[in-house]
């Protein structure tokens, strides 16, 4: 909700270790089209290797 209703020019979201379906739901339903237009999303779901999740968080 904070990402959708904030007044920032650019929103940076890090989704590290979330379930893949939750990442998809967040991007499609929570951010919405307007939020996606001004967002940068870094996602490393739980089903990728720990090394990739660490790189996503760095």
Protein backbone atom coordinates (compact mmCIF):
# COMPACT_ATOMS: atom_id res chain seq x y z
CA UNK A 1 0.00 0.00 0.00
CA UNK A 2 2.82 2.38 0.78
CA UNK A 3 4.29 1.90 -2.69
CA UNK A 4 0.99 2.66 -4.38
CA UNK A 5 0.04 5.82 -2.47
CA UNK A 6 3.42 7.48 -1.95
CA UNK A 7 4.13 10.81 -3.63
CA UNK A 8 7.69 9.94 -4.67
CA UNK A 9 8.87 10.34 -8.25
CA UNK A 10 10.51 6.89 -8.27
CA UNK A 11 9.73 3.90 -6.08
CA UNK A 12 12.39 1.25 -5.47
CA UNK A 13 11.08 -2.07 -4.16
CA UNK A 14 13.20 -5.07 -3.14
CA UNK A 15 11.37 -8.38 -2.89
CA UNK A 16 13.99 -10.84 -1.68
CA UNK A 17 12.97 -14.36 -0.64
CA UNK A 18 9.27 -13.91 -1.36
CA UNK A 19 7.24 -16.60 -3.08
CA UNK A 20 7.10 -16.17 -6.84
CA UNK A 21 3.33 -15.86 -6.90
CA UNK A 22 3.50 -13.13 -4.24
CA UNK A 23 5.98 -11.18 -6.38
CA UNK A 24 3.63 -11.43 -9.35
CA UNK A 25 0.62 -10.43 -7.23
CA UNK A 26 2.48 -7.42 -5.81
CA UNK A 27 3.58 -6.18 -9.23
CA UNK A 28 0.22 -6.70 -10.94
CA UNK A 29 -2.29 -5.92 -8.20
CA UNK A 30 -0.64 -3.84 -5.50
CA UNK A 31 1.48 -1.54 -7.66
CA UNK A 32 -0.96 -1.39 -10.54
CA UNK A 33 -0.23 0.23 -13.89
CA UNK A 34 0.45 3.68 -12.48
CA UNK A 35 2.81 2.35 -9.82
CA UNK A 36 4.70 0.17 -12.31
CA UNK A 37 5.33 3.20 -14.52
CA UNK A 38 7.42 4.84 -11.80
CA UNK A 39 8.85 1.80 -10.01
CA UNK A 40 12.03 -0.21 -10.04
CA UNK A 41 11.43 -3.71 -8.68
CA UNK A 42 14.32 -5.97 -7.68
CA UNK A 43 12.98 -9.48 -7.13
CA UNK A 44 14.84 -12.60 -6.10
CA UNK A 45 12.15 -15.15 -5.21
CA UNK A 46 12.61 -17.95 -2.71
CA UNK A 47 12.99 -20.54 -5.47
CA UNK A 48 16.28 -19.08 -6.77
CA UNK A 49 19.66 -19.93 -5.29
CA UNK A 50 20.84 -18.25 -2.08
CA UNK A 51 23.67 -16.61 -4.04
CA UNK A 52 21.20 -14.90 -6.38
CA UNK A 53 19.12 -13.75 -3.41
CA UNK A 54 22.25 -12.26 -1.82
CA UNK A 55 23.10 -10.46 -5.06
CA UNK A 56 19.56 -9.13 -5.30
CA UNK A 57 19.83 -7.75 -1.79
CA UNK A 58 23.23 -6.13 -2.36
